[in-house]
N, C-alpha and C. Protein backbone atom coordinates (compact mmCIF):
# COMPACT_ATOMS: atom_id res chain seq x y z
N MET A 1 -6.22 -9.05 5.10
CA MET A 1 -5.30 -8.32 5.96
C MET A 1 -4.26 -7.63 5.11
N ASN A 2 -4.18 -6.33 5.19
CA ASN A 2 -3.19 -5.58 4.44
C ASN A 2 -1.90 -5.48 5.25
N LEU A 3 -0.82 -5.80 4.61
CA LEU A 3 0.48 -5.74 5.27
C LEU A 3 1.06 -4.36 5.06
N ASP A 4 0.66 -3.39 5.88
CA ASP A 4 1.16 -2.04 5.66
C ASP A 4 2.55 -1.86 6.24
N PHE A 5 3.21 -0.80 5.79
CA PHE A 5 4.61 -0.58 6.14
C PHE A 5 4.80 -0.16 7.59
N ASP A 6 3.79 0.45 8.19
CA ASP A 6 3.91 0.87 9.58
C ASP A 6 3.91 -0.33 10.53
N THR A 7 3.11 -1.34 10.21
CA THR A 7 3.03 -2.50 11.10
C THR A 7 3.85 -3.68 10.63
N ASN A 8 4.30 -3.66 9.37
CA ASN A 8 5.09 -4.76 8.84
C ASN A 8 6.23 -4.21 7.98
N PRO A 9 7.38 -3.93 8.59
CA PRO A 9 8.49 -3.35 7.84
C PRO A 9 9.05 -4.26 6.74
N THR A 10 8.65 -5.52 6.70
CA THR A 10 9.13 -6.40 5.64
C THR A 10 8.21 -6.39 4.43
N ALA A 11 7.10 -5.62 4.48
CA ALA A 11 6.21 -5.52 3.33
C ALA A 11 6.99 -4.93 2.16
N TYR A 12 6.60 -5.28 0.96
CA TYR A 12 7.28 -4.83 -0.24
C TYR A 12 7.24 -3.31 -0.34
N MET A 13 8.37 -2.67 -0.61
CA MET A 13 8.45 -1.23 -0.72
C MET A 13 8.23 -0.83 -2.18
N CYS A 14 7.04 -0.44 -2.49
CA CYS A 14 6.64 -0.10 -3.84
C CYS A 14 7.38 1.15 -4.33
N ARG A 15 7.70 1.18 -5.63
CA ARG A 15 8.42 2.30 -6.23
C ARG A 15 7.49 3.48 -6.51
N GLU A 16 8.10 4.66 -6.76
CA GLU A 16 7.34 5.85 -7.14
C GLU A 16 6.56 5.54 -8.42
N GLY A 17 5.38 6.17 -8.55
CA GLY A 17 4.53 5.98 -9.72
C GLY A 17 3.67 4.73 -9.64
N LYS A 18 3.82 3.98 -8.56
CA LYS A 18 3.12 2.70 -8.44
C LYS A 18 2.49 2.56 -7.05
N TYR A 19 1.60 1.61 -6.93
CA TYR A 19 1.06 1.23 -5.63
C TYR A 19 1.14 -0.28 -5.54
N CYS A 20 1.23 -0.79 -4.32
CA CYS A 20 1.40 -2.22 -4.12
C CYS A 20 0.27 -2.79 -3.29
N ASP A 21 -0.22 -3.91 -3.73
CA ASP A 21 -1.21 -4.64 -2.96
C ASP A 21 -0.47 -5.75 -2.24
N ASN A 22 -0.07 -5.49 -1.01
CA ASN A 22 0.71 -6.46 -0.25
C ASN A 22 -0.12 -7.64 0.25
N THR A 23 -1.41 -7.64 -0.09
CA THR A 23 -2.22 -8.81 0.25
C THR A 23 -2.12 -9.86 -0.85
N LEU A 24 -1.62 -9.47 -2.03
CA LEU A 24 -1.55 -10.38 -3.19
C LEU A 24 -0.10 -10.60 -3.61
N ALA A 25 0.70 -11.15 -2.73
CA ALA A 25 2.09 -11.50 -3.04
C ALA A 25 2.88 -10.31 -3.58
N ASN A 26 2.71 -9.15 -2.97
CA ASN A 26 3.50 -7.98 -3.31
C ASN A 26 3.38 -7.57 -4.77
N VAL A 27 2.16 -7.51 -5.29
CA VAL A 27 1.93 -7.11 -6.67
C VAL A 27 2.10 -5.60 -6.79
N GLU A 28 2.92 -5.17 -7.75
CA GLU A 28 3.17 -3.75 -8.00
C GLU A 28 2.36 -3.31 -9.21
N ASN A 29 1.56 -2.24 -9.06
CA ASN A 29 0.68 -1.74 -10.12
C ASN A 29 0.99 -0.29 -10.42
N ASP A 30 0.88 0.10 -11.70
CA ASP A 30 1.03 1.50 -12.08
C ASP A 30 -0.17 2.30 -11.61
N CYS A 31 0.07 3.54 -11.15
CA CYS A 31 -1.04 4.45 -10.97
C CYS A 31 -1.60 4.72 -12.37
N ALA A 32 -2.90 4.91 -12.49
CA ALA A 32 -3.55 5.08 -13.78
C ALA A 32 -3.15 6.40 -14.44
N ALA A 33 -3.31 6.47 -15.77
CA ALA A 33 -3.13 7.72 -16.48
C ALA A 33 -4.06 8.76 -15.86
N GLY A 34 -3.59 10.00 -15.75
CA GLY A 34 -4.36 11.05 -15.09
C GLY A 34 -4.06 11.15 -13.60
N LYS A 35 -3.20 10.23 -13.11
CA LYS A 35 -2.79 10.23 -11.70
C LYS A 35 -1.27 10.08 -11.63
N TYR A 36 -0.71 10.38 -10.45
CA TYR A 36 0.73 10.23 -10.25
C TYR A 36 1.02 9.85 -8.81
N MET A 37 2.24 9.41 -8.55
CA MET A 37 2.66 9.08 -7.19
C MET A 37 4.13 9.48 -7.06
N PRO A 38 4.41 10.56 -6.33
CA PRO A 38 5.77 11.06 -6.22
C PRO A 38 6.63 10.40 -5.14
N ARG A 39 6.06 9.48 -4.39
CA ARG A 39 6.82 8.87 -3.29
C ARG A 39 6.72 7.34 -3.34
N MET A 40 7.55 6.70 -2.58
CA MET A 40 7.52 5.25 -2.47
C MET A 40 6.48 4.84 -1.42
N LYS A 41 6.17 3.55 -1.38
CA LYS A 41 5.33 2.94 -0.35
C LYS A 41 3.83 3.14 -0.51
N ALA A 42 3.34 3.55 -1.67
CA ALA A 42 1.88 3.64 -1.84
C ALA A 42 1.30 2.24 -1.73
N GLU A 43 0.26 2.10 -0.96
CA GLU A 43 -0.29 0.77 -0.67
C GLU A 43 -1.61 0.47 -1.34
N ALA A 44 -2.24 1.47 -1.95
CA ALA A 44 -3.55 1.25 -2.57
C ALA A 44 -3.72 2.22 -3.73
N GLU A 45 -4.59 1.86 -4.66
CA GLU A 45 -4.86 2.73 -5.80
C GLU A 45 -5.33 4.10 -5.34
N THR A 46 -6.02 4.16 -4.24
CA THR A 46 -6.51 5.43 -3.71
C THR A 46 -5.39 6.34 -3.21
N ASP A 47 -4.18 5.80 -3.04
CA ASP A 47 -3.03 6.63 -2.66
C ASP A 47 -2.52 7.46 -3.84
N CYS A 48 -2.80 7.03 -5.07
CA CYS A 48 -2.38 7.78 -6.26
C CYS A 48 -3.09 9.13 -6.26
N LEU A 49 -2.36 10.16 -6.64
CA LEU A 49 -2.88 11.53 -6.62
C LEU A 49 -3.38 11.93 -8.00
N LEU A 50 -4.48 12.70 -8.05
CA LEU A 50 -4.95 13.24 -9.32
C LEU A 50 -3.93 14.23 -9.85
N CYS A 51 -3.70 14.18 -11.16
CA CYS A 51 -2.79 15.13 -11.79
C CYS A 51 -3.30 16.54 -11.49
N LYS A 52 -2.38 17.45 -11.19
CA LYS A 52 -2.74 18.81 -10.81
C LYS A 52 -3.25 19.61 -12.01
N PRO A 53 -4.14 20.59 -11.77
CA PRO A 53 -4.56 21.48 -12.86
C PRO A 53 -3.34 22.17 -13.47
N GLY A 54 -3.31 22.25 -14.80
CA GLY A 54 -2.17 22.86 -15.48
C GLY A 54 -1.07 21.87 -15.82
N TYR A 55 -1.29 20.60 -15.50
CA TYR A 55 -0.32 19.54 -15.78
C TYR A 55 -1.05 18.35 -16.39
N GLU A 56 -0.28 17.45 -17.01
CA GLU A 56 -0.84 16.22 -17.53
C GLU A 56 -0.02 15.03 -17.06
N CYS A 57 -0.68 13.91 -16.92
CA CYS A 57 -0.07 12.65 -16.50
C CYS A 57 -0.48 11.62 -17.55
N GLN A 58 0.22 11.61 -18.68
CA GLN A 58 -0.20 10.84 -19.84
C GLN A 58 -0.14 9.34 -19.64
N ASN A 59 0.86 8.86 -18.97
CA ASN A 59 1.07 7.42 -18.87
C ASN A 59 0.80 6.90 -17.46
N GLY A 60 0.43 5.65 -17.37
CA GLY A 60 0.35 5.00 -16.08
C GLY A 60 1.74 4.94 -15.47
N GLY A 61 1.83 5.06 -14.17
CA GLY A 61 3.12 5.00 -13.49
C GLY A 61 3.85 6.33 -13.45
N THR A 62 3.13 7.44 -13.66
CA THR A 62 3.75 8.77 -13.65
C THR A 62 4.26 9.10 -12.24
N VAL A 63 5.49 9.61 -12.19
CA VAL A 63 6.09 10.05 -10.93
C VAL A 63 5.93 11.56 -10.78
N THR A 64 6.19 12.30 -11.85
CA THR A 64 6.12 13.76 -11.84
C THR A 64 5.25 14.24 -13.00
N PRO A 65 4.17 14.96 -12.73
CA PRO A 65 3.34 15.49 -13.82
C PRO A 65 4.16 16.42 -14.72
N THR A 66 3.79 16.48 -16.00
CA THR A 66 4.46 17.39 -16.93
C THR A 66 3.57 18.60 -17.19
N ASP A 67 4.21 19.73 -17.50
CA ASP A 67 3.47 20.96 -17.78
C ASP A 67 2.51 20.73 -18.94
N CYS A 68 1.36 21.33 -18.85
CA CYS A 68 0.40 21.31 -19.94
C CYS A 68 1.02 22.10 -21.10
N PRO A 69 0.98 21.56 -22.32
CA PRO A 69 1.58 22.27 -23.45
C PRO A 69 0.93 23.64 -23.67
N SER A 70 1.71 24.58 -24.14
CA SER A 70 1.23 25.92 -24.42
C SER A 70 0.08 25.86 -25.43
N GLY A 71 -1.00 26.58 -25.12
CA GLY A 71 -2.16 26.61 -25.99
C GLY A 71 -3.15 25.48 -25.74
N PHE A 72 -2.86 24.62 -24.77
CA PHE A 72 -3.75 23.51 -24.44
C PHE A 72 -4.33 23.72 -23.04
N PHE A 73 -5.31 22.92 -22.70
CA PHE A 73 -6.04 23.04 -21.44
C PHE A 73 -5.93 21.74 -20.67
N CYS A 74 -5.53 21.82 -19.40
CA CYS A 74 -5.39 20.64 -18.56
C CYS A 74 -6.09 20.88 -17.22
N VAL A 75 -7.16 20.17 -16.98
CA VAL A 75 -7.86 20.26 -15.70
C VAL A 75 -7.30 19.19 -14.76
N GLU A 76 -7.73 19.20 -13.53
CA GLU A 76 -7.29 18.19 -12.57
C GLU A 76 -7.62 16.79 -13.09
N GLY A 77 -6.65 15.90 -13.01
CA GLY A 77 -6.86 14.53 -13.44
C GLY A 77 -6.65 14.32 -14.93
N THR A 78 -6.03 15.31 -15.61
CA THR A 78 -5.82 15.21 -17.05
C THR A 78 -4.77 14.16 -17.41
N ALA A 79 -5.15 13.27 -18.31
CA ALA A 79 -4.19 12.33 -18.87
C ALA A 79 -3.59 12.91 -20.14
N THR A 80 -4.43 13.51 -20.99
CA THR A 80 -3.98 14.10 -22.24
C THR A 80 -4.61 15.48 -22.38
N SER A 81 -3.78 16.48 -22.69
CA SER A 81 -4.27 17.86 -22.82
C SER A 81 -5.23 17.99 -24.01
N VAL A 82 -6.10 18.98 -23.93
CA VAL A 82 -7.04 19.27 -25.01
C VAL A 82 -6.86 20.72 -25.44
N ASP A 83 -7.15 20.99 -26.69
CA ASP A 83 -7.02 22.37 -27.18
C ASP A 83 -8.36 23.07 -27.27
């Protein structure tokens, strides 16, 4: 049983860049590299968003994607830019 925020307002409010599995004692996990989460309350890994084309999300727990460096190539879901 997932304790989601709509039906259980006492569920743990996960921070930006993370998702929480409220079925496992409110465990907070980073979204993976190549993904980001700009809002609070993500409840599952699938809530994490793929990094946008033209941006990179190098580290787990990214809140805001960073611009792809000049002269490099960043496709959707990029963790590290390539030249």
